[in-house]
PDB file of all heavy atoms in Angstrom:
ATOM      1  N   GLU A   1      46.369  66.668 172.513  1.00  0.00           N
ATOM      2  CA  GLU A   1      47.809  66.473 172.634  1.00  0.00           C
ATOM      3  C   GLU A   1      48.257  66.840 174.041  1.00  0.00           C
ATOM      4  O   GLU A   1      47.576  67.585 174.753  1.00  0.00           O
ATOM      5  CB  GLU A   1      48.559  67.333 171.620  1.00  0.00           C
ATOM      6  CG  GLU A   1      48.458  66.796 170.215  1.00  0.00           C
ATOM      7  CD  GLU A   1      49.439  67.438 169.259  1.00  0.00           C
ATOM      8  OE1 GLU A   1      50.263  68.269 169.700  1.00  0.00           O
ATOM      9  OE2 GLU A   1      49.386  67.110 168.068  1.00  0.00           O
ATOM     10  N   LEU A   2      49.417  66.347 174.403  1.00  0.00           N
ATOM     11  CA  LEU A   2      50.000  66.618 175.707  1.00  0.00           C
ATOM     12  C   LEU A   2      51.242  67.479 175.499  1.00  0.00           C
ATOM     13  O   LEU A   2      52.118  67.131 174.704  1.00  0.00           O
ATOM     14  CB  LEU A   2      50.374  65.288 176.377  1.00  0.00           C
ATOM     15  CG  LEU A   2      50.712  65.332 177.843  1.00  0.00           C
ATOM     16  CD1 LEU A   2      49.493  65.769 178.653  1.00  0.00           C
ATOM     17  CD2 LEU A   2      51.148  63.947 178.312  1.00  0.00           C
ATOM     18  N   TYR A   3      51.306  68.633 176.165  1.00  0.00           N
ATOM     19  CA  TYR A   3      52.456  69.519 176.046  1.00  0.00           C
ATOM     20  C   TYR A   3      52.862  69.991 177.430  1.00  0.00           C
ATOM     21  O   TYR A   3      52.079  70.622 178.138  1.00  0.00           O
ATOM     22  CB  TYR A   3      52.120  70.713 175.142  1.00  0.00           C
ATOM     23  CG  TYR A   3      53.253  71.686 174.976  1.00  0.00           C
ATOM     24  CD1 TYR A   3      54.371  71.357 174.212  1.00  0.00           C
ATOM     25  CD2 TYR A   3      53.221  72.930 175.593  1.00  0.00           C
ATOM     26  CE1 TYR A   3      55.414  72.238 174.060  1.00  0.00           C
ATOM     27  CE2 TYR A   3      54.267  73.824 175.446  1.00  0.00           C
ATOM     28  CZ  TYR A   3      55.364  73.470 174.679  1.00  0.00           C
ATOM     29  OH  TYR A   3      56.401  74.356 174.535  1.00  0.00           O
ATOM     30  N   ARG A   4      54.077  69.653 177.843  1.00  0.00           N
ATOM     31  CA  ARG A   4      54.606  70.013 179.161  1.00  0.00           C
ATOM     32  C   ARG A   4      53.634  69.652 180.283  1.00  0.00           C
ATOM     33  O   ARG A   4      53.363  70.442 181.182  1.00  0.00           O
ATOM     34  CB  ARG A   4      54.965  71.489 179.219  1.00  0.00           C
ATOM     35  CG  ARG A   4      56.118  71.841 178.313  1.00  0.00           C
ATOM     36  CD  ARG A   4      56.564  73.248 178.516  1.00  0.00           C
ATOM     37  NE  ARG A   4      57.724  73.508 177.680  1.00  0.00           N
ATOM     38  CZ  ARG A   4      58.370  74.646 177.668  1.00  0.00           C
ATOM     39  NH1 ARG A   4      57.990  75.629 178.447  1.00  0.00           N
ATOM     40  NH2 ARG A   4      59.409  74.803 176.884  1.00  0.00           N
ATOM     41  N   GLY A   5      53.091  68.462 180.167  1.00  0.00           N
ATOM     42  CA  GLY A   5      52.213  67.952 181.215  1.00  0.00           C
ATOM     43  C   GLY A   5      50.778  68.433 181.146  1.00  0.00           C
ATOM     44  O   GLY A   5      49.940  67.976 181.911  1.00  0.00           O
ATOM     45  N   ALA A   6      50.497  69.351 180.242  1.00  0.00           N
ATOM     46  CA  ALA A   6      49.124  69.861 180.119  1.00  0.00           C
ATOM     47  C   ALA A   6      48.487  69.293 178.861  1.00  0.00           C
ATOM     48  O   ALA A   6      49.113  69.235 177.809  1.00  0.00           O
ATOM     49  CB  ALA A   6      49.128  71.380 180.076  1.00  0.00           C
ATOM     50  N   GLU A   7      47.237  68.890 178.987  1.00  0.00           N
ATOM     51  CA  GLU A   7      46.499  68.357 177.853  1.00  0.00           C
ATOM     52  C   GLU A   7      45.751  69.492 177.181  1.00  0.00           C
ATOM     53  O   GLU A   7      45.164  70.338 177.854  1.00  0.00           O
ATOM     54  CB  GLU A   7      45.502  67.311 178.360  1.00  0.00           C
ATOM     55  CG  GLU A   7      45.312  66.167 177.438  1.00  0.00           C
ATOM     56  CD  GLU A   7      44.400  65.113 178.020  1.00  0.00           C
ATOM     57  OE1 GLU A   7      43.187  65.353 178.027  1.00  0.00           O
ATOM     58  OE2 GLU A   7      44.913  64.077 178.463  1.00  0.00           O
ATOM     59  N   TYR A   8      45.790  69.553 175.866  1.00  0.00           N
ATOM     60  CA  TYR A   8      45.003  70.560 175.166  1.00  0.00           C
ATOM     61  C   TYR A   8      44.454  69.979 173.873  1.00  0.00           C
ATOM     62  O   TYR A   8      44.983  69.031 173.324  1.00  0.00           O
ATOM     63  CB  TYR A   8      45.811  71.841 174.920  1.00  0.00           C
ATOM     64  CG  TYR A   8      46.987  71.692 174.000  1.00  0.00           C
ATOM     65  CD1 TYR A   8      46.889  72.052 172.670  1.00  0.00           C
ATOM     66  CD2 TYR A   8      48.211  71.193 174.453  1.00  0.00           C
ATOM     67  CE1 TYR A   8      47.969  71.923 171.811  1.00  0.00           C
ATOM     68  CE2 TYR A   8      49.290  71.059 173.609  1.00  0.00           C
ATOM     69  CZ  TYR A   8      49.153  71.428 172.288  1.00  0.00           C
ATOM     70  OH  TYR A   8      50.218  71.291 171.441  1.00  0.00           O
ATOM     71  N   VAL A   9      43.354  70.574 173.427  1.00  0.00           N
ATOM     72  CA  VAL A   9      42.647  70.075 172.249  1.00  0.00           C
ATOM     73  C   VAL A   9      43.022  70.914 171.037  1.00  0.00           C
ATOM     74  O   VAL A   9      43.019  72.143 171.096  1.00  0.00           O
ATOM     75  CB  VAL A   9      41.117  70.134 172.466  1.00  0.00           C
ATOM     76  CG1 VAL A   9      40.377  69.702 171.207  1.00  0.00           C
ATOM     77  CG2 VAL A   9      40.720  69.269 173.654  1.00  0.00           C
ATOM     78  N   ILE A  10      43.348  70.234 169.952  1.00  0.00           N
ATOM     79  CA  ILE A  10      43.602  70.906 168.682  1.00  0.00           C
ATOM     80  C   ILE A  10      42.353  70.694 167.837  1.00  0.00           C
ATOM     81  O   ILE A  10      42.096  69.583 167.361  1.00  0.00           O
ATOM     82  CB  ILE A  10      44.844  70.333 167.975  1.00  0.00           C
ATOM     83  CG1 ILE A  10      46.067  70.552 168.849  1.00  0.00           C
ATOM     84  CG2 ILE A  10      45.017  70.967 166.605  1.00  0.00           C
ATOM     85  CD1 ILE A  10      47.340  69.960 168.294  1.00  0.00           C
ATOM     86  N   ASP A  11      41.539  71.747 167.709  1.00  0.00           N
ATOM     87  CA  ASP A  11      40.288  71.640 166.957  1.00  0.00           C
ATOM     88  C   ASP A  11      40.523  71.677 165.453  1.00  0.00           C
ATOM     89  O   ASP A  11      39.915  70.925 164.706  1.00  0.00           O
ATOM     90  CB  ASP A  11      39.330  72.778 167.332  1.00  0.00           C
ATOM     91  CG  ASP A  11      38.807  72.632 168.746  1.00  0.00           C
ATOM     92  OD1 ASP A  11      38.688  71.494 169.217  1.00  0.00           O
ATOM     93  OD2 ASP A  11      38.524  73.664 169.378  1.00  0.00           O
ATOM     94  N   PHE A  12      41.376  72.585 165.022  1.00  0.00           N
ATOM     95  CA  PHE A  12      41.624  72.756 163.592  1.00  0.00           C
ATOM     96  C   PHE A  12      42.959  72.120 163.236  1.00  0.00           C
ATOM     97  O   PHE A  12      43.990  72.488 163.778  1.00  0.00           O
ATOM     98  CB  PHE A  12      41.627  74.241 163.223  1.00  0.00           C
ATOM     99  CG  PHE A  12      40.273  74.868 163.315  1.00  0.00           C
ATOM    100  CD1 PHE A  12      39.846  75.474 164.481  1.00  0.00           C
ATOM    101  CD2 PHE A  12      39.412  74.845 162.236  1.00  0.00           C
ATOM    102  CE1 PHE A  12      38.590  76.042 164.575  1.00  0.00           C
ATOM    103  CE2 PHE A  12      38.161  75.409 162.308  1.00  0.00           C
ATOM    104  CZ  PHE A  12      37.744  76.007 163.488  1.00  0.00           C
ATOM    105  N   LEU A  13      42.907  71.191 162.299  1.00  0.00           N
ATOM    106  CA  LEU A  13      44.110  70.481 161.882  1.00  0.00           C
ATOM    107  C   LEU A  13      44.668  71.094 160.607  1.00  0.00           C
ATOM    108  O   LEU A  13      43.909  71.567 159.753  1.00  0.00           O
ATOM    109  CB  LEU A  13      43.777  69.009 161.648  1.00  0.00           C
ATOM    110  CG  LEU A  13      43.240  68.283 162.883  1.00  0.00           C
ATOM    111  CD1 LEU A  13      42.775  66.893 162.508  1.00  0.00           C
ATOM    112  CD2 LEU A  13      44.300  68.222 163.959  1.00  0.00           C
ATOM    113  N   PRO A  14      45.995  71.089 160.448  1.00  0.00           N
ATOM    114  CA  PRO A  14      46.583  71.657 159.226  1.00  0.00           C
ATOM    115  C   PRO A  14      46.266  70.804 157.997  1.00  0.00           C
ATOM    116  O   PRO A  14      46.349  69.577 158.039  1.00  0.00           O
ATOM    117  CB  PRO A  14      48.089  71.654 159.520  1.00  0.00           C
ATOM    118  CG  PRO A  14      48.277  70.641 160.584  1.00  0.00           C
ATOM    119  CD  PRO A  14      47.000  70.576 161.368  1.00  0.00           C
ATOM    120  N   LYS A  15      45.873  71.477 156.938  1.00  0.00           N
ATOM    121  CA  LYS A  15      45.564  70.841 155.657  1.00  0.00           C
ATOM    122  C   LYS A  15      46.133  71.712 154.546  1.00  0.00           C
ATOM    123  O   LYS A  15      46.576  72.830 154.777  1.00  0.00           O
ATOM    124  CB  LYS A  15      44.045  70.710 155.443  1.00  0.00           C
ATOM    125  CG  LYS A  15      43.303  69.939 156.511  1.00  0.00           C
ATOM    126  CD  LYS A  15      43.591  68.471 156.429  1.00  0.00           C
ATOM    127  CE  LYS A  15      42.777  67.733 157.497  1.00  0.00           C
ATOM    128  NZ  LYS A  15      43.039  66.326 157.501  1.00  0.00           N
ATOM    129  N   VAL A  16      46.094  71.211 153.327  1.00  0.00           N
ATOM    130  CA  VAL A  16      46.465  71.983 152.145  1.00  0.00           C
ATOM    131  C   VAL A  16      45.261  71.992 151.214  1.00  0.00           C
ATOM    132  O   VAL A  16      44.649  70.951 150.974  1.00  0.00           O
ATOM    133  CB  VAL A  16      47.696  71.386 151.426  1.00  0.00           C
ATOM    134  CG1 VAL A  16      47.930  72.071 150.099  1.00  0.00           C
ATOM    135  CG2 VAL A  16      48.924  71.491 152.301  1.00  0.00           C
ATOM    136  N   LYS A  17      44.930  73.178 150.716  1.00  0.00           N
ATOM    137  CA  LYS A  17      43.827  73.310 149.765  1.00  0.00           C
ATOM    138  C   LYS A  17      44.423  73.544 148.388  1.00  0.00           C
ATOM    139  O   LYS A  17      45.158  74.511 148.172  1.00  0.00           O
ATOM    140  CB  LYS A  17      42.926  74.477 150.147  1.00  0.00           C
ATOM    141  CG  LYS A  17      41.784  74.707 149.187  1.00  0.00           C
ATOM    142  CD  LYS A  17      40.966  75.897 149.658  1.00  0.00           C
ATOM    143  CE  LYS A  17      39.848  76.211 148.708  1.00  0.00           C
ATOM    144  NZ  LYS A  17      39.078  77.386 149.153  1.00  0.00           N
ATOM    145  N   LEU A  18      44.114  72.654 147.451  1.00  0.00           N
ATOM    146  CA  LEU A  18      44.554  72.795 146.066  1.00  0.00           C
ATOM    147  C   LEU A  18      43.398  73.326 145.239  1.00  0.00           C
ATOM    148  O   LEU A  18      42.264  72.868 145.389  1.00  0.00           O
ATOM    149  CB  LEU A  18      44.983  71.452 145.491  1.00  0.00           C
ATOM    150  CG  LEU A  18      46.162  70.766 146.154  1.00  0.00           C
ATOM    151  CD1 LEU A  18      46.399  69.415 145.499  1.00  0.00           C
ATOM    152  CD2 LEU A  18      47.386  71.629 146.058  1.00  0.00           C
ATOM    153  N   GLU A  19      43.686  74.282 144.370  1.00  0.00           N
ATOM    154  CA  GLU A  19      42.692  74.794 143.436  1.00  0.00           C
ATOM    155  C   GLU A  19      43.245  74.600 142.033  1.00  0.00           C
ATOM    156  O   GLU A  19      44.339  75.062 141.726  1.00  0.00           O
ATOM    157  CB  GLU A  19      42.412  76.265 143.708  1.00  0.00           C
ATOM    158  CG  GLU A  19      41.774  76.495 145.072  1.00  0.00           C
ATOM    159  CD  GLU A  19      41.588  77.959 145.381  1.00  0.00           C
ATOM    160  OE1 GLU A  19      42.527  78.553 145.947  1.00  0.00           O
ATOM    161  OE2 GLU A  19      40.517  78.493 145.045  1.00  0.00           O
ATOM    162  N   ILE A  20      42.469  73.886 141.208  1.00  0.00           N
ATOM    163  CA  ILE A  20      42.911  73.534 139.865  1.00  0.00           C
ATOM    164  C   ILE A  20      41.747  73.770 138.914  1.00  0.00           C
ATOM    165  O   ILE A  20      40.626  73.350 139.210  1.00  0.00           O
ATOM    166  CB  ILE A  20      43.310  72.043 139.799  1.00  0.00           C
ATOM    167  CG1 ILE A  20      44.306  71.699 140.911  1.00  0.00           C
ATOM    168  CG2 ILE A  20      43.872  71.681 138.441  1.00  0.00           C
ATOM    169  CD1 ILE A  20      44.133  70.327 141.463  1.00  0.00           C
ATOM    170  N   VAL A  21      42.003  74.413 137.790  1.00  0.00           N
ATOM    171  CA  VAL A  21      40.976  74.577 136.761  1.00  0.00           C
ATOM    172  C   VAL A  21      41.366  73.688 135.588  1.00  0.00           C
ATOM    173  O   VAL A  21      42.487  73.769 135.088  1.00  0.00           O
ATOM    174  CB  VAL A  21      40.841  76.055 136.326  1.00  0.00           C
ATOM    175  CG1 VAL A  21      39.848  76.187 135.189  1.00  0.00           C
ATOM    176  CG2 VAL A  21      40.425  76.917 137.509  1.00  0.00           C
ATOM    177  N   VAL A  22      40.424  72.825 135.189  1.00  0.00           N
ATOM    178  CA  VAL A  22      40.699  71.864 134.115  1.00  0.00           C
ATOM    179  C   VAL A  22      39.552  71.855 133.106  1.00  0.00           C
ATOM    180  O   VAL A  22      38.432  72.264 133.417  1.00  0.00           O
ATOM    181  CB  VAL A  22      40.900  70.426 134.662  1.00  0.00           C
ATOM    182  CG1 VAL A  22      42.108  70.351 135.559  1.00  0.00           C
ATOM    183  CG2 VAL A  22      39.665  69.924 135.373  1.00  0.00           C
ATOM    184  N   GLN A  23      39.854  71.385 131.914  1.00  0.00           N
ATOM    185  CA  GLN A  23      38.823  71.162 130.910  1.00  0.00           C
ATOM    186  C   GLN A  23      38.009  69.936 131.324  1.00  0.00           C
ATOM    187  O   GLN A  23      38.534  69.025 131.964  1.00  0.00           O
ATOM    188  CB  GLN A  23      39.453  70.928 129.535  1.00  0.00           C
ATOM    189  CG  GLN A  23      40.156  72.138 128.970  1.00  0.00           C
ATOM    190  CD  GLN A  23      39.188  73.278 128.673  1.00  0.00           C
ATOM    191  OE1 GLN A  23      38.029  73.070 128.355  1.00  0.00           O
ATOM    192  NE2 GLN A  23      39.680  74.503 128.789  1.00  0.00           N
ATOM    193  N   GLU A  24      36.759  69.895 130.922  1.00  0.00           N
ATOM    194  CA  GLU A  24      35.875  68.800 131.326  1.00  0.00           C
ATOM    195  C   GLU A  24      36.341  67.444 130.812  1.00  0.00           C
ATOM    196  O   GLU A  24      36.061  66.424 131.438  1.00  0.00           O
ATOM    197  CB  GLU A  24      34.446  69.083 130.890  1.00  0.00           C
ATOM    198  CG  GLU A  24      33.845  70.216 131.694  1.00  0.00           C
ATOM    199  CD  GLU A  24      32.373  70.433 131.407  1.00  0.00           C
ATOM    200  OE1 GLU A  24      31.649  69.437 131.242  1.00  0.00           O
ATOM    201  OE2 GLU A  24      31.963  71.601 131.361  1.00  0.00           O
ATOM    202  N   ASP A  25      37.089  67.426 129.705  1.00  0.00           N
ATOM    203  CA  ASP A  25      37.524  66.137 129.157  1.00  0.00           C
ATOM    204  C   ASP A  25      38.558  65.432 130.032  1.00  0.00           C
ATOM    205  O   ASP A  25      38.720  64.216 129.916  1.00  0.00           O
ATOM    206  CB  ASP A  25      38.041  66.290 127.717  1.00  0.00           C
ATOM    207  CG  ASP A  25      39.169  67.302 127.586  1.00  0.00           C
ATOM    208  OD1 ASP A  25      39.344  68.135 128.492  1.00  0.00           O
ATOM    209  OD2 ASP A  25      39.871  67.256 126.557  1.00  0.00           O
ATOM    210  N   ILE A  26      39.264  66.140 130.909  1.00  0.00           N
ATOM    211  CA  ILE A  26      40.209  65.466 131.807  1.00  0.00           C
ATOM    212  C   ILE A  26      39.753  65.515 133.272  1.00  0.00           C
ATOM    213  O   ILE A  26      40.490  65.093 134.155  1.00  0.00           O
ATOM    214  CB  ILE A  26      41.638  66.034 131.681  1.00  0.00           C
ATOM    215  CG1 ILE A  26      41.722  67.472 132.176  1.00  0.00           C
ATOM    216  CG2 ILE A  26      42.181  65.890 130.281  1.00  0.00           C
ATOM    217  CD1 ILE A  26      43.144  67.927 132.426  1.00  0.00           C
ATOM    218  N   LEU A  27      38.549  65.988 133.521  1.00  0.00           N
ATOM    219  CA  LEU A  27      38.056  66.125 134.897  1.00  0.00           C
ATOM    220  C   LEU A  27      38.040  64.791 135.633  1.00  0.00           C
ATOM    221  O   LEU A  27      38.583  64.689 136.742  1.00  0.00           O
ATOM    222  CB  LEU A  27      36.663  66.747 134.910  1.00  0.00           C
ATOM    223  CG  LEU A  27      35.999  66.832 136.290  1.00  0.00           C
ATOM    224  CD1 LEU A  27      36.802  67.744 137.208  1.00  0.00           C
ATOM    225  CD2 LEU A  27      34.570  67.301 136.168  1.00  0.00           C
ATOM    226  N   ASP A  28      37.445  63.771 135.049  1.00  0.00           N
ATOM    227  CA  ASP A  28      37.346  62.481 135.734  1.00  0.00           C
ATOM    228  C   ASP A  28      38.719  61.898 136.045  1.00  0.00           C
ATOM    229  O   ASP A  28      38.950  61.369 137.133  1.00  0.00           O
ATOM    230  CB  ASP A  28      36.529  61.482 134.908  1.00  0.00           C
ATOM    231  CG  ASP A  28      35.051  61.846 134.871  1.00  0.00           C
ATOM    232  OD1 ASP A  28      34.580  62.543 135.807  1.00  0.00           O
ATOM    233  OD2 ASP A  28      34.368  61.446 133.915  1.00  0.00           O
ATOM    234  N   ARG A  29      39.639  62.013 135.100  1.00  0.00           N
ATOM    235  CA  ARG A  29      41.012  61.513 135.324  1.00  0.00           C
ATOM    236  C   ARG A  29      41.693  62.319 136.434  1.00  0.00           C
ATOM    237  O   ARG A  29      42.394  61.756 137.278  1.00  0.00           O
ATOM    238  CB  ARG A  29      41.811  61.600 134.019  1.00  0.00           C
ATOM    239  CG  ARG A  29      43.194  61.037 134.120  1.00  0.00           C
ATOM    240  CD  ARG A  29      43.171  59.517 134.254  1.00  0.00           C
ATOM    241  NE  ARG A  29      44.531  59.040 134.358  1.00  0.00           N
ATOM    242  CZ  ARG A  29      44.976  58.297 135.360  1.00  0.00           C
ATOM    243  NH1 ARG A  29      44.160  57.884 136.301  1.00  0.00           N
ATOM    244  NH2 ARG A  29      46.225  57.915 135.406  1.00  0.00           N
ATOM    245  N   CYS A  30      41.475  63.615 136.446  1.00  0.00           N
ATOM    246  CA  CYS A  30      42.042  64.490 137.478  1.00  0.00           C
ATOM    247  C   CYS A  30      41.539  64.080 138.869  1.00  0.00           C
ATOM    248  O   CYS A  30      42.322  63.964 139.811  1.00  0.00           O
ATOM    249  CB  CYS A  30      41.670  65.934 137.166  1.00  0.00           C
ATOM    250  SG  CYS A  30      42.266  67.133 138.357  1.00  0.00           S
ATOM    251  N   LEU A  31      40.238  63.844 138.998  1.00  0.00           N
ATOM    252  CA  LEU A  31      39.665  63.438 140.279  1.00  0.00           C
ATOM    253  C   LEU A  31      40.200  62.084 140.730  1.00  0.00           C
ATOM    254  O   LEU A  31      40.515  61.887 141.913  1.00  0.00           O
ATOM    255  CB  LEU A  31      38.137  63.394 140.174  1.00  0.00           C
ATOM    256  CG  LEU A  31      37.458  64.718 139.851  1.00  0.00           C
ATOM    257  CD1 LEU A  31      35.961  64.517 139.671  1.00  0.00           C
ATOM    258  CD2 LEU A  31      37.740  65.770 140.901  1.00  0.00           C
TER     259      LEU A  31
END
């Protein structure tokens, strides 16, 4: 990215991690 004329590298990008516990009978539908 370019910020105030200086170029810099963003190595780590923002993400969201979801954690869900489900019964096996709905696992495929959940995925």
